[in-house]
C-alpha atoms as a PDB file:
ATOM      1  CA  MET A   1     298.885 -30.811 -56.338  1.00  0.00           C
ATOM      2  CA  SER A   2     300.406 -28.759 -53.244  1.00  0.00           C
ATOM      3  CA  ASP A   3     301.688 -30.037 -49.794  1.00  0.00           C
ATOM      4  CA  GLY A   4     298.550 -28.612 -48.182  1.00  0.00           C
ATOM      5  CA  ARG A   5     296.076 -30.164 -50.535  1.00  0.00           C
ATOM      6  CA  TYR A   6     297.868 -33.484 -50.455  1.00  0.00           C
ATOM      7  CA  ARG A   7     298.414 -33.566 -46.870  1.00  0.00           C
ATOM      8  CA  GLY A   8     294.301 -32.565 -46.580  1.00  0.00           C
ATOM      9  CA  ARG A   9     293.658 -35.370 -48.510  1.00  0.00           C
ATOM     10  CA  ARG A  10     295.742 -38.282 -46.527  1.00  0.00           C
ATOM     11  CA  GLN A  11     294.160 -36.973 -43.767  1.00  0.00           C
ATOM     12  CA  ALA A  12     290.596 -37.330 -44.828  1.00  0.00           C
ATOM     13  CA  GLU A  13     291.642 -40.763 -46.160  1.00  0.00           C
ATOM     14  CA  ALA A  14     293.111 -41.719 -42.644  1.00  0.00           C
ATOM     15  CA  GLU A  15     289.789 -40.513 -40.991  1.00  0.00           C
ATOM     16  CA  ARG A  16     287.660 -42.684 -43.517  1.00  0.00           C
ATOM     17  CA  ASN A  17     289.960 -45.775 -42.765  1.00  0.00           C
ATOM     18  CA  ASP A  18     289.464 -45.172 -38.981  1.00  0.00           C
ATOM     19  CA  HIS A  19     285.635 -45.021 -38.956  1.00  0.00           C
ATOM     20  CA  ALA A  20     285.634 -47.995 -41.502  1.00  0.00           C
ATOM     21  CA  LEU A  21     287.844 -49.785 -38.885  1.00  0.00           C
ATOM     22  CA  LEU A  22     285.408 -48.930 -35.870  1.00  0.00           C
ATOM     23  CA  ARG A  23     282.668 -50.099 -37.770  1.00  0.00           C
ATOM     24  CA  ALA A  24     284.209 -53.736 -38.731  1.00  0.00           C
ATOM     25  CA  ALA A  25     285.721 -53.786 -35.281  1.00  0.00           C
ATOM     26  CA  ARG A  26     282.117 -53.906 -33.548  1.00  0.00           C
ATOM     27  CA  GLU A  27     280.788 -56.438 -36.017  1.00  0.00           C
ATOM     28  CA  VAL A  28     283.755 -58.714 -35.786  1.00  0.00           C
ATOM     29  CA  LEU A  29     283.800 -58.333 -31.764  1.00  0.00           C
ATOM     30  CA  ALA A  30     280.262 -58.797 -31.817  1.00  0.00           C
ATOM     31  CA  ALA A  31     280.975 -62.035 -33.558  1.00  0.00           C
ATOM     32  CA  ASP A  32     284.197 -63.158 -32.063  1.00  0.00           C
ATOM     33  CA  GLY A  33     284.631 -61.439 -28.457  1.00  0.00           C
ATOM     34  CA  ALA A  34     288.275 -60.704 -27.368  1.00  0.00           C
ATOM     35  CA  HIS A  35     289.638 -62.757 -29.359  1.00  0.00           C
ATOM     36  CA  ALA A  36     288.660 -60.892 -32.622  1.00  0.00           C
ATOM     37  CA  SER A  37     291.748 -60.541 -35.055  1.00  0.00           C
ATOM     38  CA  VAL A  38     293.099 -57.505 -36.348  1.00  0.00           C
ATOM     39  CA  ALA A  39     293.537 -59.396 -40.026  1.00  0.00           C
ATOM     40  CA  ALA A  40     289.400 -60.117 -39.810  1.00  0.00           C
ATOM     41  CA  ILE A  41     288.969 -56.279 -38.623  1.00  0.00           C
ATOM     42  CA  ALA A  42     291.145 -55.212 -41.720  1.00  0.00           C
ATOM     43  CA  ALA A  43     289.437 -57.241 -43.926  1.00  0.00           C
ATOM     44  CA  ARG A  44     285.946 -56.521 -42.874  1.00  0.00           C
ATOM     45  CA  ALA A  45     287.128 -52.530 -43.208  1.00  0.00           C
ATOM     46  CA  GLY A  46     288.307 -53.342 -46.858  1.00  0.00           C
ATOM     47  CA  VAL A  47     291.986 -51.935 -45.542  1.00  0.00           C
ATOM     48  CA  GLY A  48     295.322 -53.909 -46.351  1.00  0.00           C
ATOM     49  CA  ILE A  49     296.901 -55.481 -43.144  1.00  0.00           C
ATOM     50  CA  GLY A  50     299.762 -53.792 -44.120  1.00  0.00           C
ATOM     51  CA  SER A  51     298.045 -50.519 -44.490  1.00  0.00           C
ATOM     52  CA  LEU A  52     296.704 -50.830 -41.021  1.00  0.00           C
ATOM     53  CA  TYR A  53     299.724 -51.727 -39.164  1.00  0.00           C
ATOM     54  CA  ARG A  54     301.677 -49.128 -40.875  1.00  0.00           C
ATOM     55  CA  ARG A  55     299.364 -46.929 -38.889  1.00  0.00           C
ATOM     56  CA  TYR A  56     298.752 -48.858 -35.722  1.00  0.00           C
ATOM     57  CA  ARG A  57     301.645 -50.694 -34.685  1.00  0.00           C
ATOM     58  CA  THR A  58     299.865 -53.354 -32.160  1.00  0.00           C
ATOM     59  CA  LYS A  59     296.408 -55.091 -31.740  1.00  0.00           C
ATOM     60  CA  GLU A  60     296.225 -52.841 -28.685  1.00  0.00           C
ATOM     61  CA  GLU A  61     297.134 -49.664 -30.152  1.00  0.00           C
ATOM     62  CA  LEU A  62     294.264 -50.398 -32.659  1.00  0.00           C
ATOM     63  CA  PHE A  63     291.845 -51.016 -30.029  1.00  0.00           C
ATOM     64  CA  GLN A  64     292.791 -48.104 -28.108  1.00  0.00           C
ATOM     65  CA  ARG A  65     292.245 -45.906 -31.041  1.00  0.00           C
ATOM     66  CA  LEU A  66     288.886 -47.395 -31.526  1.00  0.00           C
ATOM     67  CA  SER A  67     287.994 -46.894 -28.533  1.00  0.00           C
ATOM     68  CA  GLU A  68     288.669 -43.260 -28.550  1.00  0.00           C
ATOM     69  CA  LEU A  69     286.555 -43.008 -31.795  1.00  0.00           C
ATOM     70  CA  SER A  70     283.563 -44.920 -29.997  1.00  0.00           C
ATOM     71  CA  LEU A  71     283.827 -42.267 -26.964  1.00  0.00           C
ATOM     72  CA  ASP A  72     283.637 -39.422 -29.481  1.00  0.00           C
ATOM     73  CA  GLN A  73     280.719 -40.787 -31.167  1.00  0.00           C
ATOM     74  CA  TRP A  74     279.040 -41.301 -27.554  1.00  0.00           C
ATOM     75  CA  ASN A  75     280.093 -37.739 -26.748  1.00  0.00           C
ATOM     76  CA  GLU A  76     278.664 -36.191 -29.507  1.00  0.00           C
ATOM     77  CA  ALA A  77     275.176 -38.009 -29.189  1.00  0.00           C
ATOM     78  CA  ALA A  78     275.156 -36.781 -25.414  1.00  0.00           C
ATOM     79  CA  GLU A  79     276.036 -33.035 -26.473  1.00  0.00           C
ATOM     80  CA  ALA A  80     273.143 -33.572 -29.075  1.00  0.00           C
ATOM     81  CA  GLY A  81     270.645 -34.806 -26.868  1.00  0.00           C
ATOM     82  CA  LEU A  82     271.617 -32.363 -23.905  1.00  0.00           C
ATOM     83  CA  ALA A  83     270.688 -29.190 -26.680  1.00  0.00           C
ATOM     84  CA  HIS A  84     267.703 -30.512 -27.411  1.00  0.00           C
ATOM     85  CA  GLU A  85     264.886 -28.220 -26.154  1.00  0.00           C
ATOM     86  CA  ASP A  86     262.706 -31.190 -24.967  1.00  0.00           C
ATOM     87  CA  PRO A  87     264.093 -33.480 -21.951  1.00  0.00           C
ATOM     88  CA  TRP A  88     262.754 -36.664 -23.129  1.00  0.00           C
ATOM     89  CA  ALA A  89     263.427 -36.108 -26.675  1.00  0.00           C
ATOM     90  CA  GLY A  90     266.858 -35.394 -26.016  1.00  0.00           C
ATOM     91  CA  LEU A  91     267.291 -38.349 -24.085  1.00  0.00           C
ATOM     92  CA  ALA A  92     265.558 -40.750 -25.881  1.00  0.00           C
ATOM     93  CA  GLY A  93     267.655 -39.308 -29.065  1.00  0.00           C
ATOM     94  CA  PHE A  94     270.662 -39.752 -27.237  1.00  0.00           C
ATOM     95  CA  VAL A  95     269.945 -43.397 -26.598  1.00  0.00           C
ATOM     96  CA  THR A  96     268.723 -44.244 -29.822  1.00  0.00           C
ATOM     97  CA  ALA A  97     271.776 -42.813 -31.516  1.00  0.00           C
ATOM     98  CA  CYS A  98     274.274 -44.619 -29.413  1.00  0.00           C
ATOM     99  CA  VAL A  99     272.710 -48.098 -30.161  1.00  0.00           C
ATOM    100  CA  GLU A 100     272.159 -47.599 -33.892  1.00  0.00           C
ATOM    101  CA  PHE A 101     275.956 -47.234 -33.999  1.00  0.00           C
ATOM    102  CA  GLY A 102     276.645 -49.904 -32.008  1.00  0.00           C
ATOM    103  CA  GLN A 103     277.802 -48.093 -28.819  1.00  0.00           C
ATOM    104  CA  GLY A 104     278.865 -50.630 -26.397  1.00  0.00           C
ATOM    105  CA  SER A 105     279.974 -53.431 -29.008  1.00  0.00           C
ATOM    106  CA  LEU A 106     283.788 -52.734 -27.693  1.00  0.00           C
ATOM    107  CA  ALA A 107     282.707 -54.185 -24.244  1.00  0.00           C
ATOM    108  CA  PRO A 108     284.387 -57.602 -25.040  1.00  0.00           C
ATOM    109  CA  ILE A 109     287.837 -55.670 -24.851  1.00  0.00           C
ATOM    110  CA  ALA A 110     287.257 -54.117 -21.466  1.00  0.00           C
ATOM    111  CA  GLY A 111     290.165 -55.094 -19.251  1.00  0.00           C
ATOM    112  CA  THR A 112     292.418 -56.647 -22.105  1.00  0.00           C
ATOM    113  CA  ILE A 113     293.914 -53.005 -22.959  1.00  0.00           C
ATOM    114  CA  ASP A 114     295.450 -50.242 -21.156  1.00  0.00           C
ATOM    115  CA  VAL A 115     293.192 -47.163 -20.769  1.00  0.00           C
ATOM    116  CA  THR A 116     294.881 -43.806 -22.245  1.00  0.00           C
ATOM    117  CA  PRO A 117     294.464 -40.725 -20.329  1.00  0.00           C
ATOM    118  CA  GLU A 118     292.718 -39.318 -23.432  1.00  0.00           C
ATOM    119  CA  MET A 119     290.393 -42.445 -23.011  1.00  0.00           C
ATOM    120  CA  TRP A 120     289.873 -41.596 -19.380  1.00  0.00           C
ATOM    121  CA  ALA A 121     288.974 -38.015 -19.990  1.00  0.00           C
ATOM    122  CA  LYS A 122     286.522 -38.459 -22.747  1.00  0.00           C
ATOM    123  CA  SER A 123     284.981 -41.142 -20.516  1.00  0.00           C
ATOM    124  CA  ALA A 124     284.685 -38.501 -17.718  1.00  0.00           C
ATOM    125  CA  ARG A 125     283.257 -35.982 -19.927  1.00  0.00           C
ATOM    126  CA  GLY A 126     280.755 -38.325 -21.538  1.00  0.00           C
ATOM    127  CA  ASP A 127     279.647 -39.722 -18.042  1.00  0.00           C
ATOM    128  CA  GLU A 128     279.396 -35.653 -16.953  1.00  0.00           C
ATOM    129  CA  ILE A 129     276.770 -35.083 -20.135  1.00  0.00           C
ATOM    130  CA  LEU A 130     274.847 -38.224 -20.054  1.00  0.00           C
ATOM    131  CA  ALA A 131     274.401 -37.117 -16.033  1.00  0.00           C
ATOM    132  CA  ALA A 132     273.263 -33.952 -17.159  1.00  0.00           C
ATOM    133  CA  ILE A 133     270.734 -35.316 -19.341  1.00  0.00           C
ATOM    134  CA  VAL A 134     269.355 -38.101 -17.106  1.00  0.00           C
ATOM    135  CA  ALA A 135     269.018 -35.160 -14.172  1.00  0.00           C
ATOM    136  CA  ARG A 136     266.998 -32.703 -16.720  1.00  0.00           C
ATOM    137  CA  ALA A 137     264.850 -35.782 -17.795  1.00  0.00           C
ATOM    138  CA  ARG A 138     263.737 -36.585 -13.905  1.00  0.00           C
ATOM    139  CA  GLY A 139     263.863 -32.662 -13.278  1.00  0.00           C
ATOM    140  CA  ALA A 140     261.254 -32.497 -15.732  1.00  0.00           C
ATOM    141  CA  GLY A 141     258.974 -35.337 -14.573  1.00  0.00           C
ATOM    142  CA  VAL A 142     259.487 -37.301 -17.948  1.00  0.00           C
ATOM    143  CA  LEU A 143     261.546 -40.272 -16.578  1.00  0.00           C
ATOM    144  CA  ARG A 144     261.345 -42.215 -13.565  1.00  0.00           C
ATOM    145  CA  PRO A 145     263.156 -40.966 -10.555  1.00  0.00           C
ATOM    146  CA  GLU A 146     264.867 -44.090  -9.872  1.00  0.00           C
ATOM    147  CA  ILE A 147     266.818 -44.442 -13.057  1.00  0.00           C
ATOM    148  CA  THR A 148     270.332 -43.533 -12.758  1.00  0.00           C
ATOM    149  CA  PRO A 149     272.895 -42.678 -16.032  1.00  0.00           C
ATOM    150  CA  THR A 150     274.513 -46.218 -15.341  1.00  0.00           C
ATOM    151  CA  ASP A 151     271.023 -47.484 -15.723  1.00  0.00           C
ATOM    152  CA  VAL A 152     270.832 -45.515 -19.199  1.00  0.00           C
ATOM    153  CA  SER A 153     274.661 -46.893 -20.138  1.00  0.00           C
ATOM    154  CA  LEU A 154     274.128 -50.423 -19.399  1.00  0.00           C
ATOM    155  CA  LEU A 155     270.742 -50.216 -21.365  1.00  0.00           C
ATOM    156  CA  ILE A 156     272.245 -48.854 -24.449  1.00  0.00           C
ATOM    157  CA  GLU A 157     275.239 -51.498 -24.143  1.00  0.00           C
ATOM    158  CA  GLN A 158     272.548 -54.476 -24.112  1.00  0.00           C
ATOM    159  CA  LEU A 159     270.456 -52.590 -27.127  1.00  0.00           C
ATOM    160  CA  GLY A 160     273.817 -52.294 -29.158  1.00  0.00           C
ATOM    161  CA  SER A 161     274.508 -56.118 -29.356  1.00  0.00           C
ATOM    162  CA  SER A 162     271.963 -57.662 -31.947  1.00  0.00           C
ATOM    163  CA  PRO A 163     272.109 -61.337 -31.606  1.00  0.00           C
ATOM    164  CA  MET A 164     269.822 -61.338 -35.005  1.00  0.00           C
ATOM    165  CA  LEU A 165     271.544 -58.482 -36.872  1.00  0.00           C
ATOM    166  CA  ASP A 166     275.047 -59.914 -36.447  1.00  0.00           C
ATOM    167  CA  GLN A 167     273.791 -63.247 -37.416  1.00  0.00           C
ATOM    168  CA  ILE A 168     271.936 -62.018 -40.787  1.00  0.00           C
ATOM    169  CA  ARG A 169     275.315 -59.722 -41.404  1.00  0.00           C
ATOM    170  CA  LYS A 170     277.471 -62.910 -40.873  1.00  0.00           C
ATOM    171  CA  GLN A 171     275.627 -64.808 -43.395  1.00  0.00           C
ATOM    172  CA  GLY A 172     275.751 -62.111 -46.005  1.00  0.00           C
ATOM    173  CA  ARG A 173     271.797 -61.524 -46.106  1.00  0.00           C
ATOM    174  CA  GLU A 174     271.684 -58.017 -47.086  1.00  0.00           C
ATOM    175  CA  ASP A 175     268.479 -58.675 -48.002  1.00  0.00           C
ATOM    176  CA  LEU A 176     267.102 -59.214 -44.551  1.00  0.00           C
ATOM    177  CA  VAL A 177     269.410 -56.170 -42.896  1.00  0.00           C
ATOM    178  CA  GLU A 178     267.079 -53.273 -43.257  1.00  0.00           C
ATOM    179  CA  ALA A 179     264.135 -55.352 -41.631  1.00  0.00           C
ATOM    180  CA  ALA A 180     266.561 -56.282 -38.883  1.00  0.00           C
ATOM    181  CA  VAL A 181     267.467 -52.912 -38.152  1.00  0.00           C
ATOM    182  CA  ALA A 182     263.360 -51.922 -38.363  1.00  0.00           C
ATOM    183  CA  ALA A 183     263.008 -54.558 -35.968  1.00  0.00           C
ATOM    184  CA  ARG A 184     265.918 -53.374 -33.527  1.00  0.00           C
ATOM    185  CA  ARG A 185     264.465 -49.723 -33.557  1.00  0.00           C
ATOM    186  CA  ARG A 186     260.956 -50.956 -32.484  1.00  0.00           C
ATOM    187  CA  LEU A 187     262.686 -52.894 -29.851  1.00  0.00           C
ATOM    188  CA  ILE A 188     264.401 -49.341 -28.857  1.00  0.00           C
ATOM    189  CA  ALA A 189     261.213 -47.742 -28.481  1.00  0.00           C
ATOM    190  CA  ILE A 190     259.691 -50.321 -26.416  1.00  0.00           C
ATOM    191  CA  THR A 191     262.493 -50.278 -23.979  1.00  0.00           C
ATOM    192  CA  LEU A 192     262.142 -46.172 -23.918  1.00  0.00           C
ATOM    193  CA  ASP A 193     258.696 -46.311 -23.027  1.00  0.00           C
ATOM    194  CA  GLY A 194     259.710 -48.453 -19.949  1.00  0.00           C
ATOM    195  CA  LEU A 195     262.113 -45.299 -18.652  1.00  0.00           C
ATOM    196  CA  ARG A 196     258.888 -42.984 -18.560  1.00  0.00           C
ATOM    197  CA  ALA A 197     257.612 -41.410 -15.508  1.00  0.00           C
ATOM    198  CA  VAL A 198     254.031 -42.790 -15.957  1.00  0.00           C
ATOM    199  CA  HIS A 199     255.377 -46.770 -14.554  1.00  0.00           C
ATOM    200  CA  ARG A 200     254.519 -46.885 -11.097  1.00  0.00           C
ATOM    201  CA  GLY A 201     255.793 -50.029 -10.150  1.00  0.00           C
ATOM    202  CA  PRO A 202     259.166 -50.098  -8.593  1.00  0.00           C
ATOM    203  CA  LEU A 203     262.182 -51.616 -10.478  1.00  0.00           C
ATOM    204  CA  PRO A 204     263.749 -54.683  -8.598  1.00  0.00           C
ATOM    205  CA  GLY A 205     266.945 -54.081  -6.486  1.00  0.00           C
ATOM    206  CA  PRO A 206     269.468 -51.218  -5.973  1.00  0.00           C
ATOM    207  CA  PRO A 207     270.474 -49.437  -8.698  1.00  0.00           C
ATOM    208  CA  PRO A 208     273.998 -50.349 -10.289  1.00  0.00           C
ATOM    209  CA  GLY A 209     276.754 -48.158  -9.045  1.00  0.00           C
ATOM    210  CA  GLU A 210     279.057 -46.588 -11.313  1.00  0.00           C
ATOM    211  CA  HIS A 211     281.954 -48.974 -10.645  1.00  0.00           C
ATOM    212  CA  LEU A 212     279.964 -51.676 -12.519  1.00  0.00           C
ATOM    213  CA  PHE A 213     280.347 -50.044 -15.839  1.00  0.00           C
ATOM    214  CA  THR A 214     284.176 -48.515 -15.754  1.00  0.00           C
ATOM    215  CA  GLU A 215     286.246 -50.723 -13.237  1.00  0.00           C
ATOM    216  CA  ARG A 216     285.962 -53.461 -15.756  1.00  0.00           C
ATOM    217  CA  TRP A 217     288.347 -51.493 -18.244  1.00  0.00           C
ATOM    218  CA  ARG A 218     290.917 -51.152 -15.536  1.00  0.00           C
ATOM    219  CA  ARG A 219     293.701 -53.309 -16.407  1.00  0.00           C
ATOM    220  CA  ASP A 220     294.736 -53.996 -12.775  1.00  0.00           C
ATOM    221  CA  SER A 221     291.458 -54.968 -11.696  1.00  0.00           C
ATOM    222  CA  PRO A 222     291.181 -57.911  -9.439  1.00  0.00           C
ATOM    223  CA  ALA A 223     290.265 -61.400 -11.208  1.00  0.00           C
END
């Protein structure tokens, strides 16, 4: 096998392992929070702990990489949502995609790791695209005018954590996973309907500021 083909296979394998680690980390973090161990994540992903540490020198480095991958998925979903010709379908598709791949499940590590320049840049890009999605939907009259990008981000984080689905997976009840996923999709649809402009009652309180969503990721934030 040529060196080029060998490197290509190794790179593809590394990418598969990274995505497996991301899925595993979401599941373990949902169960254990910020105290999730690298060993538990590696075991859930089917990756040897030695292999993991050859790729990532520290737990923080692993979580930084997982955060970058999560931001990549967010941005891909946001770009697809903005590209959709229908403003409502674009917003709904973005929210649904983010919830279904567990966006927000890395929230327990907010403030426990240093945010790299790459993470800040990807986050800023995601914020920019989401703002455009929300502005377009509001401009088309299909989204409640008081809804902000931060509202949408927090909604995704709340829906991305499914206690019932997490419990079923922890119990190893694979026979119930499909039904639990379907139930969550139903809740996503119900929640999205609440964002539509047809609702006339005001929302309680002022809209949340962006700092509520981002400041907790700064490691030097005041206690």
